[in-house]
Structures are given as structure tokens and as C-alpha cells.
Amino acid sequence: MSIPPAEIGPGEFYPVVGVGPHPKPWPTGDQYDPELLENGDRRNVLDKYRYWSVAAIVADLNTKRHPLRVAIENWQHDLNIGSIVRTANAFNVSSVHIVGKRDWNRRGAMVTDKYLTVIHHPTVSDFKAWCDEHKIAIIGIDNVDVSTPIESADFPRECVLFLGQEGAGMSEEAVAVCEQVLAISQYGSTRSMNASAAGAIAMYAWAMQHLPK
């Protein structure tokens, strides 16, 4: 049952996300959340996950995670981290790694972090040790002196894309732990693009090489 548009002014409406209460009889199965069936599901989830509990959605996603991971430096409470996490959810990555401060701005994530494994590393060296232990290649994304073009890069199937902060970019310590650093070609006047946009491009570049077309 669809939710009718909500009126925000005389003759002005905006669509309400999701679906309303499920008509009875309700579907059966452990994946369904009785509260959502009763009150409606207005979350930003795929139609196949309507009325499912968060735990059931995570369990299903876990059966088909991709071997890609994403890491973000977090020294100054970067507002872009939430947007990067949301994109990581869209690519169903294996995990997201927050390197630096534990607390990060979740607003841009739109609660998508609930459907992901988020791992905190207090330092770059701790993050590097984790990657070494799990034999995961670290691929930096930034336009620094040692960068090579992302357009001609061969991505390892199992790797972590390491992003720096908005403005400052990757720290020197972060660049030093990368097997390679890739830069996204730009054609305008600005020196760099938004960190969340760069993360989305990098994830898509990996997907074009390793996911079914």
C-alpha cells in the first residue's frame, strides 16, 4: 500500500518515501518486522527489503558482500564521511574503516551504516597492521606527486580504497602505507574534487573491473 504524497503548501506536494501499513493477512517469515508491517516502512531500502528487520537485511547482504573495502581518514570530523559510507553501502562493500577519531558525522550516511561493518582504527599504523593481517592491498585515492591515473589502473580484486579528508587530502603517513595511489583526471580549474565524489568514482572504477556488467 503506497503512502500518498504529503502536502507542504497550497497545491504543493512531496512524495513520502516507502510504503504504508501492510494489508492483512501479513506475510510470514522471520525476516519480517511486525512493527513495520503494522505501521509502514518508510526507510530508503530496496523493494525486496520492505518490511524486513535491519538484522534480516544485514544477514542477506552478508551472503553477497563484495571484496572491496573503503577507508577514510577522520582527524577533523569530516562531513563527507557519511556520504562516503552511503555510497559504500550502495556497492555492498565488505567493510568501512574509520581511521583516526572514533566519532564521525553520520548525518550524510542516512542510517546506511546500520547495514555495514564499520571498523575503527585509532592510527594509520593500526589500520596498516589490520590490512597486513588480512592480506588486503591498500589503494590510496588522491592527486599527489606519486599518484598514477585511475583510468589506467588495475585494481586488485580484494583491496581497500583509502581516502583522505576533504581539503587536506591524504596525510603523508596514509600515502606511505599505500601500495599505489590513484588520481582521478580533472579537466577544469579546481585542484581537487569533493572527497565523497572521489570515493564514489573510485568505487565505480573498481566495480567496472570486478563486478558483472
Protein backbone atom coordinates (compact mmCIF):
# COMPACT_ATOMS: atom_id res chain seq x y z
CA MET A 1 0.00 0.00 0.00
CA SER A 2 1.61 3.23 -1.15
CA ILE A 3 1.78 6.30 1.07
CA PRO A 4 0.04 9.32 -0.53
CA PRO A 5 2.12 12.43 -1.18
CA ALA A 6 2.31 14.87 1.74
CA GLU A 7 1.13 18.45 1.24
CA ILE A 8 3.74 21.09 2.06
CA GLY A 9 1.83 24.09 0.80
CA PRO A 10 -1.26 25.03 -1.19
CA GLY A 11 -1.18 22.69 -4.16
CA GLU A 12 2.41 21.63 -3.38
CA PHE A 13 3.30 18.07 -2.53
CA TYR A 14 6.40 15.96 -1.96
CA PRO A 15 6.49 12.16 -2.23
CA VAL A 16 6.84 10.27 1.03
CA VAL A 17 9.42 7.52 0.82
CA GLY A 18 8.36 3.93 1.35
CA VAL A 19 5.10 2.08 1.83
CA GLY A 20 2.27 2.20 4.33
CA PRO A 21 1.00 -0.50 6.70
CA HIS A 22 0.87 -3.93 5.09
CA PRO A 23 -2.68 -5.18 4.47
CA LYS A 24 -3.63 -8.31 6.38
CA PRO A 25 -3.05 -11.18 6.30
CA TRP A 26 0.61 -10.32 6.84
CA PRO A 27 3.36 -12.29 5.10
CA THR A 28 5.08 -14.86 7.29
CA GLY A 29 8.80 -15.33 7.82
CA ASP A 30 11.48 -14.47 10.34
CA GLN A 31 12.73 -11.64 8.13
CA TYR A 32 9.62 -9.50 8.70
CA ASP A 33 9.42 -6.85 11.40
CA PRO A 34 5.92 -6.77 12.98
CA GLU A 35 6.24 -3.06 13.81
CA LEU A 36 7.00 -2.21 10.18
CA LEU A 37 4.13 -4.38 8.96
CA GLU A 38 1.81 -2.59 11.37
CA ASN A 39 2.95 1.00 10.80
CA GLY A 40 4.56 1.03 7.36
CA ASP A 41 8.14 1.05 6.12
CA ARG A 42 9.43 4.46 5.11
CA ARG A 43 13.12 3.55 5.01
CA ASN A 44 15.26 4.11 1.92
CA VAL A 45 15.67 0.41 1.10
CA LEU A 46 15.18 -1.74 -1.99
CA ASP A 47 11.65 -3.01 -2.57
CA LYS A 48 12.75 -6.59 -1.85
CA TYR A 49 13.65 -5.49 1.70
CA ARG A 50 10.36 -3.77 2.50
CA TYR A 51 9.11 -4.69 5.98
CA TRP A 52 12.30 -6.67 6.73
CA SER A 53 14.10 -6.10 10.02
CA VAL A 54 17.55 -4.48 9.93
CA ALA A 55 19.09 -7.74 11.18
CA ALA A 56 17.45 -9.71 8.36
CA ILE A 57 18.64 -7.23 5.72
CA VAL A 58 22.21 -7.34 7.08
CA ALA A 59 22.16 -11.14 7.11
CA ASP A 60 21.08 -11.20 3.47
CA LEU A 61 23.67 -8.60 2.43
CA ASN A 62 26.35 -10.61 4.23
CA THR A 63 25.77 -13.52 1.85
CA LYS A 64 26.85 -11.38 -1.12
CA ARG A 65 29.36 -8.81 0.13
CA HIS A 66 31.95 -7.69 -2.40
CA PRO A 67 35.67 -7.99 -1.58
CA LEU A 68 36.05 -4.22 -1.79
CA ARG A 69 36.59 -2.16 1.37
CA VAL A 70 36.70 1.59 1.93
CA ALA A 71 38.77 3.55 4.48
CA ILE A 72 38.54 7.23 5.39
CA GLU A 73 40.88 9.37 7.46
CA ASN A 74 38.99 11.20 10.22
CA TRP A 75 41.09 13.78 12.05
CA GLN A 76 38.78 16.81 11.79
CA HIS A 77 35.25 15.33 11.90
CA ASP A 78 34.91 15.48 8.10
CA LEU A 79 31.29 15.98 6.98
CA ASN A 80 31.94 13.93 3.84
CA ILE A 81 32.39 10.65 5.69
CA GLY A 82 28.65 9.99 5.90
CA SER A 83 28.24 10.38 2.15
CA ILE A 84 31.14 8.01 1.51
CA VAL A 85 29.57 5.44 3.84
CA ARG A 86 26.26 5.75 1.99
CA THR A 87 28.00 5.07 -1.33
CA ALA A 88 29.87 2.15 0.22
CA ASN A 89 26.51 0.67 1.18
CA ALA A 90 25.32 1.04 -2.42
CA PHE A 91 28.30 -1.07 -3.56
CA ASN A 92 27.76 -3.56 -0.70
CA VAL A 93 31.40 -3.41 0.38
CA SER A 94 32.78 -5.86 2.93
CA SER A 95 33.63 -3.15 5.46
CA VAL A 96 34.21 0.55 6.05
CA HIS A 97 37.22 1.68 8.09
CA ILE A 98 37.36 4.94 10.03
CA VAL A 99 41.00 5.90 10.63
CA GLY A 100 41.61 8.50 13.36
CA LYS A 101 38.87 9.84 15.62
CA ARG A 102 36.21 7.29 16.54
CA ASP A 103 33.28 9.71 16.29
CA TRP A 104 32.26 10.75 12.78
CA ASN A 105 29.38 12.74 11.32
CA ARG A 106 26.68 10.19 10.47
CA ARG A 107 24.16 12.60 9.03
CA GLY A 108 25.15 12.05 5.41
CA ALA A 109 25.09 8.28 5.85
CA MET A 110 21.28 8.31 6.10
CA VAL A 111 21.48 5.36 8.56
CA THR A 112 23.14 3.17 5.90
CA ASP A 113 25.94 2.45 8.40
CA LYS A 114 23.48 0.09 10.12
CA TYR A 115 23.80 -2.24 7.15
CA LEU A 116 27.61 -2.24 7.05
CA THR A 117 30.51 -3.44 9.15
CA VAL A 118 32.27 -0.27 10.36
CA ILE A 119 35.72 -0.76 11.92
CA HIS A 120 37.62 1.94 13.79
CA HIS A 121 41.41 2.27 13.75
CA PRO A 122 42.90 4.96 16.02
CA THR A 123 46.04 5.35 13.88
CA VAL A 124 47.22 4.76 10.34
CA SER A 125 49.71 2.18 11.59
CA ASP A 126 46.90 0.25 13.30
CA PHE A 127 44.94 0.28 10.05
CA LYS A 128 48.01 -0.91 8.12
CA ALA A 129 48.54 -3.76 10.59
CA TRP A 130 44.92 -4.86 10.13
CA CYS A 131 45.29 -4.86 6.35
CA ASP A 132 48.57 -6.79 6.54
CA GLU A 133 46.99 -9.38 8.82
CA HIS A 134 44.11 -9.89 6.39
CA LYS A 135 46.33 -9.63 3.29
CA ILE A 136 44.39 -6.72 1.82
CA ALA A 137 46.04 -4.25 -0.55
CA ILE A 138 45.73 -0.56 0.33
CA ILE A 139 44.98 1.69 -2.66
CA GLY A 140 45.08 5.43 -1.98
CA ILE A 141 42.83 7.89 -3.82
CA ASP A 142 44.33 11.37 -4.10
CA ASN A 143 46.10 13.64 -6.59
CA VAL A 144 49.55 13.78 -5.04
CA ASP A 145 53.01 13.65 -6.62
CA VAL A 146 53.24 9.84 -6.52
CA SER A 147 49.78 9.30 -8.00
CA THR A 148 49.10 7.46 -11.24
CA PRO A 149 45.90 7.80 -13.32
CA ILE A 150 42.93 5.80 -12.01
CA GLU A 151 41.72 5.36 -15.58
CA SER A 152 44.61 3.03 -16.44
CA ALA A 153 44.89 1.26 -13.07
CA ASP A 154 44.43 -2.46 -12.49
CA PHE A 155 42.60 -2.83 -9.19
CA PRO A 156 43.27 -5.91 -7.05
CA ARG A 157 40.00 -7.79 -6.58
CA GLU A 158 40.44 -7.70 -2.79
CA CYS A 159 41.55 -4.26 -1.71
CA VAL A 160 40.68 -1.23 0.39
CA LEU A 161 40.32 2.23 -1.14
CA PHE A 162 41.91 4.72 1.26
CA LEU A 163 40.55 8.29 1.14
CA GLY A 164 41.87 11.39 2.86
CA GLN A 165 39.93 14.26 4.36
CA GLU A 166 38.13 16.98 2.49
CA GLY A 167 40.54 19.82 1.77
CA ALA A 168 43.65 18.33 3.35
CA GLY A 169 43.56 15.11 1.33
CA MET A 170 45.56 12.07 2.42
CA SER A 171 48.11 12.56 5.16
CA GLU A 172 51.75 11.78 4.39
CA GLU A 173 51.53 8.79 6.74
CA ALA A 174 48.50 7.48 4.86
CA VAL A 175 50.21 7.84 1.47
CA ALA A 176 53.23 5.94 2.81
CA VAL A 177 51.21 2.79 3.64
CA CYS A 178 49.59 2.52 0.20
CA GLU A 179 50.71 0.03 -2.44
CA GLN A 180 49.70 2.62 -5.01
CA VAL A 181 47.92 5.98 -5.06
CA LEU A 182 45.48 6.78 -7.86
CA ALA A 183 44.38 10.18 -9.10
CA ILE A 184 41.14 10.98 -10.93
CA SER A 185 41.76 13.06 -14.04
CA GLN A 186 40.18 16.51 -13.92
CA TYR A 187 39.60 18.96 -16.72
CA GLY A 188 38.55 22.21 -15.05
CA SER A 189 40.28 24.82 -12.91
CA THR A 190 39.85 23.36 -9.43
CA ARG A 191 42.76 21.48 -7.88
CA SER A 192 40.66 18.76 -6.31
CA MET A 193 37.11 17.42 -6.18
CA ASN A 194 34.85 16.68 -3.23
CA ALA A 195 36.07 13.69 -1.20
CA SER A 196 32.72 11.91 -1.33
CA ALA A 197 32.55 12.35 -5.12
CA ALA A 198 36.09 10.99 -5.47
CA GLY A 199 35.15 7.99 -3.34
CA ALA A 200 32.12 7.24 -5.50
CA ILE A 201 34.20 7.42 -8.70
CA ALA A 202 36.87 5.14 -7.22
CA MET A 203 34.32 2.54 -6.08
CA TYR A 204 32.71 2.58 -9.52
CA ALA A 205 36.10 2.20 -11.20
CA TRP A 206 36.77 -0.92 -9.10
CA ALA A 207 33.27 -2.27 -9.84
CA MET A 208 33.76 -1.86 -13.60
CA GLN A 209 36.71 -4.26 -13.39
CA HIS A 210 35.40 -6.82 -10.93
CA LEU A 211 31.58 -6.91 -10.94
CA PRO A 212 29.33 -8.39 -13.64
CA LYS A 213 28.44 -5.96 -16.39
